[in-house]
C-alpha cells in the first residue's frame, strides 16, 4: 500500500496505457484492484449480459416462454397498432 501511495501517478499511467490491472495488497493480502476505465466498463457490460442470460434461463425453467413465431407476430401486431 505504501508503495502504491508513493507511485500512484506512475501506476495510473501504466494502467491507462497498458490496460494491465494492478492488485493492491496490504500486509500481503489483496485489498483492491486498479483497472483502466475501458476494461472496467467492458467487465460491467459482460456481467450485465451474463445476468440477462441467467434471467432467460430462469424464465425457461419456469415455463415463461413463448414460441418464436408467436413472439414475432405479437411484435408485428404492436408495430401495426402504433
PDB file of N, CA and C in Angstrom:
ATOM      1  N   UNK A   1       0.829  -1.182   0.000  1.00  0.00           N
ATOM      2  CA  UNK A   1       0.000   0.000   0.000  1.00  0.00           C
ATOM      3  C   UNK A   1       0.877   1.251   0.000  1.00  0.00           C
ATOM      4  N   UNK A   2       1.932   1.245   0.787  1.00  0.00           N
ATOM      5  CA  UNK A   2       2.792   2.428   0.838  1.00  0.00           C
ATOM      6  C   UNK A   2       3.488   2.639  -0.501  1.00  0.00           C
ATOM      7  N   UNK A   3       3.871   1.524  -1.176  1.00  0.00           N
ATOM      8  CA  UNK A   3       4.491   1.673  -2.486  1.00  0.00           C
ATOM      9  C   UNK A   3       3.502   2.300  -3.460  1.00  0.00           C
ATOM     10  N   UNK A   4       2.254   1.875  -3.401  1.00  0.00           N
ATOM     11  CA  UNK A   4       1.232   2.426  -4.286  1.00  0.00           C
ATOM     12  C   UNK A   4       1.053   3.915  -4.042  1.00  0.00           C
ATOM     13  N   UNK A   5       0.986   4.302  -2.790  1.00  0.00           N
ATOM     14  CA  UNK A   5       0.831   5.725  -2.468  1.00  0.00           C
ATOM     15  C   UNK A   5       1.970   6.545  -3.049  1.00  0.00           C
ATOM     16  N   UNK A   6       3.182   6.025  -2.945  1.00  0.00           N
ATOM     17  CA  UNK A   6       4.351   6.758  -3.439  1.00  0.00           C
ATOM     18  C   UNK A   6       4.432   6.761  -4.959  1.00  0.00           C
ATOM     19  N   UNK A   7       3.800   5.794  -5.611  1.00  0.00           N
ATOM     20  CA  UNK A   7       3.918   5.654  -7.068  1.00  0.00           C
ATOM     21  C   UNK A   7       2.571   5.698  -7.783  1.00  0.00           C
ATOM     22  N   UNK A   8       1.582   6.302  -7.172  1.00  0.00           N
ATOM     23  CA  UNK A   8       0.223   6.293  -7.726  1.00  0.00           C
ATOM     24  C   UNK A   8       0.156   6.859  -9.139  1.00  0.00           C
ATOM     25  N   UNK A   9       0.823   7.964  -9.392  1.00  0.00           N
ATOM     26  CA  UNK A   9       0.766   8.577 -10.724  1.00  0.00           C
ATOM     27  C   UNK A   9       1.321   7.629 -11.781  1.00  0.00           C
ATOM     28  N   UNK A  10       2.435   6.976 -11.470  1.00  0.00           N
ATOM     29  CA  UNK A  10       3.039   6.029 -12.409  1.00  0.00           C
ATOM     30  C   UNK A  10       2.125   4.818 -12.632  1.00  0.00           C
ATOM     31  N   UNK A  11       1.548   4.311 -11.566  1.00  0.00           N
ATOM     32  CA  UNK A  11       0.639   3.168 -11.679  1.00  0.00           C
ATOM     33  C   UNK A  11      -0.545   3.527 -12.566  1.00  0.00           C
ATOM     34  N   UNK A  12      -1.148   4.675 -12.320  1.00  0.00           N
ATOM     35  CA  UNK A  12      -2.302   5.090 -13.121  1.00  0.00           C
ATOM     36  C   UNK A  12      -1.931   5.265 -14.588  1.00  0.00           C
ATOM     37  N   UNK A  13      -0.759   5.808 -14.843  1.00  0.00           N
ATOM     38  CA  UNK A  13      -0.297   5.976 -16.223  1.00  0.00           C
ATOM     39  C   UNK A  13      -0.122   4.595 -16.875  1.00  0.00           C
ATOM     40  N   UNK A  14       0.517   3.671 -16.165  1.00  0.00           N
ATOM     41  CA  UNK A  14       0.731   2.326 -16.712  1.00  0.00           C
ATOM     42  C   UNK A  14      -0.587   1.596 -16.945  1.00  0.00           C
ATOM     43  N   UNK A  15      -1.497   1.724 -16.017  1.00  0.00           N
ATOM     44  CA  UNK A  15      -2.804   1.072 -16.164  1.00  0.00           C
ATOM     45  C   UNK A  15      -3.522   1.610 -17.393  1.00  0.00           C
ATOM     46  N   UNK A  16      -3.498   2.918 -17.565  1.00  0.00           N
ATOM     47  CA  UNK A  16      -4.179   3.534 -18.704  1.00  0.00           C
ATOM     48  C   UNK A  16      -3.534   3.133 -20.028  1.00  0.00           C
ATOM     49  N   UNK A  17      -2.209   3.073 -20.048  1.00  0.00           N
ATOM     50  CA  UNK A  17      -1.504   2.769 -21.297  1.00  0.00           C
ATOM     51  C   UNK A  17      -1.521   1.280 -21.641  1.00  0.00           C
ATOM     52  N   UNK A  18      -1.253   0.444 -20.651  1.00  0.00           N
ATOM     53  CA  UNK A  18      -1.065  -0.987 -20.901  1.00  0.00           C
ATOM     54  C   UNK A  18      -2.314  -1.831 -20.673  1.00  0.00           C
ATOM     55  N   UNK A  19      -3.298  -1.248 -20.007  1.00  0.00           N
ATOM     56  CA  UNK A  19      -4.536  -1.962 -19.666  1.00  0.00           C
ATOM     57  C   UNK A  19      -4.263  -3.240 -18.873  1.00  0.00           C
ATOM     58  N   UNK A  20      -3.265  -3.163 -18.021  1.00  0.00           N
ATOM     59  CA  UNK A  20      -2.939  -4.278 -17.139  1.00  0.00           C
ATOM     60  C   UNK A  20      -3.362  -3.886 -15.731  1.00  0.00           C
ATOM     61  N   UNK A  21      -4.232  -4.668 -15.101  1.00  0.00           N
ATOM     62  CA  UNK A  21      -4.683  -4.307 -13.758  1.00  0.00           C
ATOM     63  C   UNK A  21      -3.575  -4.476 -12.718  1.00  0.00           C
ATOM     64  N   UNK A  22      -3.612  -3.633 -11.714  1.00  0.00           N
ATOM     65  CA  UNK A  22      -2.717  -3.743 -10.567  1.00  0.00           C
ATOM     66  C   UNK A  22      -3.537  -4.233  -9.385  1.00  0.00           C
ATOM     67  N   UNK A  23      -3.010  -5.228  -8.694  1.00  0.00           N
ATOM     68  CA  UNK A  23      -3.649  -5.698  -7.470  1.00  0.00           C
ATOM     69  C   UNK A  23      -2.893  -5.077  -6.306  1.00  0.00           C
ATOM     70  N   UNK A  24      -3.603  -4.314  -5.513  1.00  0.00           N
ATOM     71  CA  UNK A  24      -3.007  -3.632  -4.367  1.00  0.00           C
ATOM     72  C   UNK A  24      -3.149  -4.540  -3.153  1.00  0.00           C
ATOM     73  N   UNK A  25      -2.036  -4.774  -2.480  1.00  0.00           N
ATOM     74  CA  UNK A  25      -2.067  -5.623  -1.292  1.00  0.00           C
ATOM     75  C   UNK A  25      -1.766  -4.804  -0.045  1.00  0.00           C
ATOM     76  N   UNK A  26      -2.245  -5.308   1.055  1.00  0.00           N
ATOM     77  CA  UNK A  26      -1.954  -4.716   2.358  1.00  0.00           C
ATOM     78  C   UNK A  26      -1.637  -5.875   3.294  1.00  0.00           C
ATOM     79  N   UNK A  27      -0.442  -5.846   3.834  1.00  0.00           N
ATOM     80  CA  UNK A  27       0.031  -6.950   4.677  1.00  0.00           C
ATOM     81  C   UNK A  27      -0.052  -8.289   3.943  1.00  0.00           C
ATOM     82  N   UNK A  28       0.272  -8.262   2.648  1.00  0.00           N
ATOM     83  CA  UNK A  28       0.293  -9.476   1.848  1.00  0.00           C
ATOM     84  C   UNK A  28      -1.062  -9.979   1.389  1.00  0.00           C
ATOM     85  N   UNK A  29      -2.107  -9.244   1.693  1.00  0.00           N
ATOM     86  CA  UNK A  29      -3.458  -9.665   1.318  1.00  0.00           C
ATOM     87  C   UNK A  29      -4.038  -8.698   0.285  1.00  0.00           C
ATOM     88  N   UNK A  30      -4.610  -9.236  -0.782  1.00  0.00           N
ATOM     89  CA  UNK A  30      -5.213  -8.391  -1.821  1.00  0.00           C
ATOM     90  C   UNK A  30      -6.338  -7.557  -1.218  1.00  0.00           C
ATOM     91  N   UNK A  31      -6.308  -6.251  -1.484  1.00  0.00           N
ATOM     92  CA  UNK A  31      -7.312  -5.338  -0.938  1.00  0.00           C
ATOM     93  C   UNK A  31      -8.075  -4.566  -2.008  1.00  0.00           C
ATOM     94  N   UNK A  32      -7.442  -4.352  -3.165  1.00  0.00           N
ATOM     95  CA  UNK A  32      -8.092  -3.554  -4.208  1.00  0.00           C
ATOM     96  C   UNK A  32      -7.460  -3.873  -5.558  1.00  0.00           C
ATOM     97  N   UNK A  33      -8.182  -3.507  -6.607  1.00  0.00           N
ATOM     98  CA  UNK A  33      -7.681  -3.652  -7.969  1.00  0.00           C
ATOM     99  C   UNK A  33      -7.788  -2.297  -8.644  1.00  0.00           C
ATOM    100  N   UNK A  34      -6.706  -1.889  -9.304  1.00  0.00           N
ATOM    101  CA  UNK A  34      -6.719  -0.657 -10.095  1.00  0.00           C
ATOM    102  C   UNK A  34      -6.809  -1.094 -11.550  1.00  0.00           C
ATOM    103  N   UNK A  35      -7.840  -0.604 -12.218  1.00  0.00           N
ATOM    104  CA  UNK A  35      -8.170  -1.059 -13.563  1.00  0.00           C
ATOM    105  C   UNK A  35      -8.461   0.149 -14.441  1.00  0.00           C
ATOM    106  N   UNK A  36      -8.062   0.089 -15.713  1.00  0.00           N
ATOM    107  CA  UNK A  36      -8.390   1.196 -16.611  1.00  0.00           C
ATOM    108  C   UNK A  36      -9.899   1.216 -16.863  1.00  0.00           C
ATOM    109  N   UNK A  37     -10.396   2.388 -17.206  1.00  0.00           N
ATOM    110  CA  UNK A  37     -11.837   2.586 -17.343  1.00  0.00           C
ATOM    111  C   UNK A  37     -12.436   1.696 -18.434  1.00  0.00           C
ATOM    112  N   UNK A  38     -11.774   1.580 -19.563  1.00  0.00           N
ATOM    113  CA  UNK A  38     -12.324   0.769 -20.661  1.00  0.00           C
ATOM    114  C   UNK A  38     -12.473  -0.696 -20.246  1.00  0.00           C
ATOM    115  N   UNK A  39     -11.484  -1.228 -19.555  1.00  0.00           N
ATOM    116  CA  UNK A  39     -11.569  -2.619 -19.091  1.00  0.00           C
ATOM    117  C   UNK A  39     -12.669  -2.783 -18.057  1.00  0.00           C
ATOM    118  N   UNK A  40     -12.796  -1.811 -17.169  1.00  0.00           N
ATOM    119  CA  UNK A  40     -13.853  -1.857 -16.159  1.00  0.00           C
ATOM    120  C   UNK A  40     -15.228  -1.852 -16.830  1.00  0.00           C
ATOM    121  N   UNK A  41     -15.415  -0.942 -17.789  1.00  0.00           N
ATOM    122  CA  UNK A  41     -16.704  -0.853 -18.475  1.00  0.00           C
ATOM    123  C   UNK A  41     -17.007  -2.136 -19.250  1.00  0.00           C
ATOM    124  N   UNK A  42     -15.982  -2.719 -19.877  1.00  0.00           N
ATOM    125  CA  UNK A  42     -16.181  -3.976 -20.603  1.00  0.00           C
ATOM    126  C   UNK A  42     -16.586  -5.092 -19.642  1.00  0.00           C
ATOM    127  N   UNK A  43     -15.964  -5.132 -18.483  1.00  0.00           N
ATOM    128  CA  UNK A  43     -16.315  -6.149 -17.488  1.00  0.00           C
ATOM    129  C   UNK A  43     -17.744  -5.955 -16.994  1.00  0.00           C
ATOM    130  N   UNK A  44     -18.145  -4.713 -16.778  1.00  0.00           N
ATOM    131  CA  UNK A  44     -19.510  -4.433 -16.331  1.00  0.00           C
ATOM    132  C   UNK A  44     -20.527  -4.840 -17.392  1.00  0.00           C
ATOM    133  N   UNK A  45     -20.205  -4.569 -18.651  1.00  0.00           N
ATOM    134  CA  UNK A  45     -21.105  -4.953 -19.747  1.00  0.00           C
ATOM    135  C   UNK A  45     -21.228  -6.476 -19.835  1.00  0.00           C
ATOM    136  N   UNK A  46     -20.105  -7.158 -19.689  1.00  0.00           N
ATOM    137  CA  UNK A  46     -20.121  -8.619 -19.706  1.00  0.00           C
ATOM    138  C   UNK A  46     -20.971  -9.168 -18.570  1.00  0.00           C
ATOM    139  N   UNK A  47     -20.814  -8.606 -17.379  1.00  0.00           N
ATOM    140  CA  UNK A  47     -21.623  -9.040 -16.235  1.00  0.00           C
ATOM    141  C   UNK A  47     -23.111  -8.817 -16.487  1.00  0.00           C
ATOM    142  N   UNK A  48     -23.443  -7.675 -17.072  1.00  0.00           N
ATOM    143  CA  UNK A  48     -24.852  -7.385 -17.361  1.00  0.00           C
ATOM    144  C   UNK A  48     -25.421  -8.404 -18.348  1.00  0.00           C
ATOM    145  N   UNK A  49     -24.649  -8.741 -19.372  1.00  0.00           N
ATOM    146  CA  UNK A  49     -25.108  -9.730 -20.351  1.00  0.00           C
ATOM    147  C   UNK A  49     -25.264 -11.108 -19.711  1.00  0.00           C
ATOM    148  N   UNK A  50     -24.331 -11.472 -18.840  1.00  0.00           N
ATOM    149  CA  UNK A  50     -24.437 -12.762 -18.153  1.00  0.00           C
ATOM    150  C   UNK A  50     -25.664 -12.810 -17.252  1.00  0.00           C
ATOM    151  N   UNK A  51     -25.988 -11.693 -16.628  1.00  0.00           N
ATOM    152  CA  UNK A  51     -27.199 -11.635 -15.803  1.00  0.00           C
ATOM    153  C   UNK A  51     -28.444 -11.833 -16.660  1.00  0.00           C
ATOM    154  N   UNK A  52     -28.459 -11.222 -17.850  1.00  0.00           N
ATOM    155  CA  UNK A  52     -29.602 -11.399 -18.754  1.00  0.00           C
ATOM    156  C   UNK A  52     -29.744 -12.856 -19.191  1.00  0.00           C
ATOM    157  N   UNK A  53     -28.619 -13.497 -19.470  1.00  0.00           N
ATOM    158  CA  UNK A  53     -28.655 -14.914 -19.850  1.00  0.00           C
ATOM    159  C   UNK A  53     -29.207 -15.744 -18.696  1.00  0.00           C
ATOM    160  N   UNK A  54     -28.738 -15.474 -17.487  1.00  0.00           N
ATOM    161  CA  UNK A  54     -29.227 -16.216 -16.314  1.00  0.00           C
ATOM    162  C   UNK A  54     -30.723 -15.997 -16.114  1.00  0.00           C
ATOM    163  N   UNK A  55     -31.180 -14.765 -16.306  1.00  0.00           N
ATOM    164  CA  UNK A  55     -32.608 -14.474 -16.174  1.00  0.00           C
ATOM    165  C   UNK A  55     -33.403 -15.233 -17.232  1.00  0.00           C
ATOM    166  N   UNK A  56     -32.877 -15.288 -18.446  1.00  0.00           N
ATOM    167  CA  UNK A  56     -33.540 -16.023 -19.519  1.00  0.00           C
ATOM    168  C   UNK A  56     -33.641 -17.504 -19.209  1.00  0.00           C
ATOM    169  N   UNK A  57     -32.580 -18.049 -18.657  1.00  0.00           N
ATOM    170  CA  UNK A  57     -32.603 -19.470 -18.291  1.00  0.00           C
ATOM    171  C   UNK A  57     -33.644 -19.736 -17.208  1.00  0.00           C
ATOM    172  N   UNK A  58     -33.751 -18.828 -16.260  1.00  0.00           N
ATOM    173  CA  UNK A  58     -34.759 -18.978 -15.205  1.00  0.00           C
ATOM    174  C   UNK A  58     -36.165 -18.919 -15.796  1.00  0.00           C
ATOM    175  N   UNK A  59     -36.368 -18.026 -16.765  1.00  0.00           N
ATOM    176  CA  UNK A  59     -37.671 -17.951 -17.432  1.00  0.00           C
ATOM    177  C   UNK A  59     -38.004 -19.272 -18.122  1.00  0.00           C
ATOM    178  N   UNK A  60     -37.009 -19.860 -18.785  1.00  0.00           N
ATOM    179  CA  UNK A  60     -37.237 -21.141 -19.465  1.00  0.00           C
ATOM    180  C   UNK A  60     -37.593 -22.213 -18.445  1.00  0.00           C
ATOM    181  N   UNK A  61     -36.833 -22.281 -17.350  1.00  0.00           N
ATOM    182  CA  UNK A  61     -37.117 -23.285 -16.310  1.00  0.00           C
ATOM    183  C   UNK A  61     -38.513 -23.116 -15.732  1.00  0.00           C
ATOM    184  N   UNK A  62     -38.957 -21.856 -15.603  1.00  0.00           N
ATOM    185  CA  UNK A  62     -40.267 -21.579 -15.006  1.00  0.00           C
ATOM    186  C   UNK A  62     -41.396 -21.670 -16.021  1.00  0.00           C
ATOM    187  N   UNK A  63     -41.057 -21.930 -17.287  1.00  0.00           N
ATOM    188  CA  UNK A  63     -42.095 -22.058 -18.301  1.00  0.00           C
ATOM    189  C   UNK A  63     -42.609 -20.732 -18.826  1.00  0.00           C
ATOM    190  N   UNK A  64     -41.899 -19.658 -18.533  1.00  0.00           N
ATOM    191  CA  UNK A  64     -42.310 -18.337 -19.023  1.00  0.00           C
ATOM    192  C   UNK A  64     -41.693 -18.104 -20.405  1.00  0.00           C
ATOM    193  N   UNK A  65     -42.169 -18.882 -21.369  1.00  0.00           N
ATOM    194  CA  UNK A  65     -41.646 -18.793 -22.732  1.00  0.00           C
ATOM    195  C   UNK A  65     -42.798 -18.734 -23.730  1.00  0.00           C
ATOM    196  N   UNK A  66     -42.489 -18.216 -24.899  1.00  0.00           N
ATOM    197  CA  UNK A  66     -43.459 -18.135 -25.990  1.00  0.00           C
ATOM    198  C   UNK A  66     -42.733 -18.619 -27.243  1.00  0.00           C
ATOM    199  N   UNK A  67     -43.378 -19.437 -28.062  1.00  0.00           N
ATOM    200  CA  UNK A  67     -42.735 -19.851 -29.311  1.00  0.00           C
ATOM    201  C   UNK A  67     -42.325 -18.623 -30.135  1.00  0.00           C
ATOM    202  N   UNK A  68     -41.210 -18.739 -30.829  1.00  0.00           N
ATOM    203  CA  UNK A  68     -40.654 -17.611 -31.581  1.00  0.00           C
ATOM    204  C   UNK A  68     -41.659 -17.025 -32.568  1.00  0.00           C
ATOM    205  N   UNK A  69     -42.397 -17.866 -33.258  1.00  0.00           N
ATOM    206  CA  UNK A  69     -43.368 -17.357 -34.240  1.00  0.00           C
ATOM    207  C   UNK A  69     -44.422 -16.484 -33.570  1.00  0.00           C
ATOM    208  N   UNK A  70     -44.892 -16.920 -32.398  1.00  0.00           N
ATOM    209  CA  UNK A  70     -45.887 -16.121 -31.673  1.00  0.00           C
ATOM    210  C   UNK A  70     -45.290 -14.792 -31.222  1.00  0.00           C
ATOM    211  N   UNK A  71     -44.052 -14.824 -30.756  1.00  0.00           N
ATOM    212  CA  UNK A  71     -43.405 -13.599 -30.288  1.00  0.00           C
ATOM    213  C   UNK A  71     -43.226 -12.611 -31.436  1.00  0.00           C
ATOM    214  N   UNK A  72     -42.788 -13.109 -32.588  1.00  0.00           N
ATOM    215  CA  UNK A  72     -42.591 -12.239 -33.754  1.00  0.00           C
ATOM    216  C   UNK A  72     -43.927 -11.663 -34.205  1.00  0.00           C
ATOM    217  N   UNK A  73     -44.948 -12.479 -34.247  1.00  0.00           N
ATOM    218  CA  UNK A  73     -46.269 -11.992 -34.665  1.00  0.00           C
ATOM    219  C   UNK A  73     -46.794 -10.951 -33.682  1.00  0.00           C
ATOM    220  N   UNK A  74     -46.588 -11.160 -32.395  1.00  0.00           N
ATOM    221  CA  UNK A  74     -47.028 -10.180 -31.391  1.00  0.00           C
ATOM    222  C   UNK A  74     -46.297  -8.854 -31.579  1.00  0.00           C
ATOM    223  N   UNK A  75     -45.011  -8.914 -31.883  1.00  0.00           N
ATOM    224  CA  UNK A  75     -44.248  -7.683 -32.132  1.00  0.00           C
ATOM    225  C   UNK A  75     -44.745  -6.975 -33.389  1.00  0.00           C
ATOM    226  N   UNK A  76     -44.996  -7.747 -34.435  1.00  0.00           N
ATOM    227  CA  UNK A  76     -45.517  -7.148 -35.671  1.00  0.00           C
ATOM    228  C   UNK A  76     -46.868  -6.480 -35.420  1.00  0.00           C
ATOM    229  N   UNK A  77     -47.702  -7.118 -34.628  1.00  0.00           N
ATOM    230  CA  UNK A  77     -49.011  -6.546 -34.308  1.00  0.00           C
ATOM    231  C   UNK A  77     -48.860  -5.244 -33.526  1.00  0.00           C
ATOM    232  N   UNK A  78     -47.948  -5.212 -32.590  1.00  0.00           N
ATOM    233  CA  UNK A  78     -47.715  -3.979 -31.816  1.00  0.00           C
ATOM    234  C   UNK A  78     -47.274  -2.842 -32.730  1.00  0.00           C
ATOM    235  N   UNK A  79     -46.407  -3.176 -33.697  1.00  0.00           N
ATOM    236  CA  UNK A  79     -45.928  -2.155 -34.633  1.00  0.00           C
ATOM    237  C   UNK A  79     -47.086  -1.649 -35.486  1.00  0.00           C
ATOM    238  N   UNK A  80     -47.938  -2.560 -35.952  1.00  0.00           N
ATOM    239  CA  UNK A  80     -49.093  -2.151 -36.765  1.00  0.00           C
ATOM    240  C   UNK A  80     -50.045  -1.277 -35.959  1.00  0.00           C
ATOM    241  N   UNK A  81     -50.206  -1.582 -34.678  1.00  0.00           N
ATOM    242  CA  UNK A  81     -51.142  -0.842 -33.824  1.00  0.00           C
ATOM    243  C   UNK A  81     -50.663   0.568 -33.485  1.00  0.00           C
ATOM    244  N   UNK A  82     -49.389   0.806 -33.633  1.00  0.00           N
ATOM    245  CA  UNK A  82     -48.856   2.135 -33.250  1.00  0.00           C
ATOM    246  C   UNK A  82     -49.121   3.189 -34.267  1.00  0.00           C
TER     247      UNK A  82
END
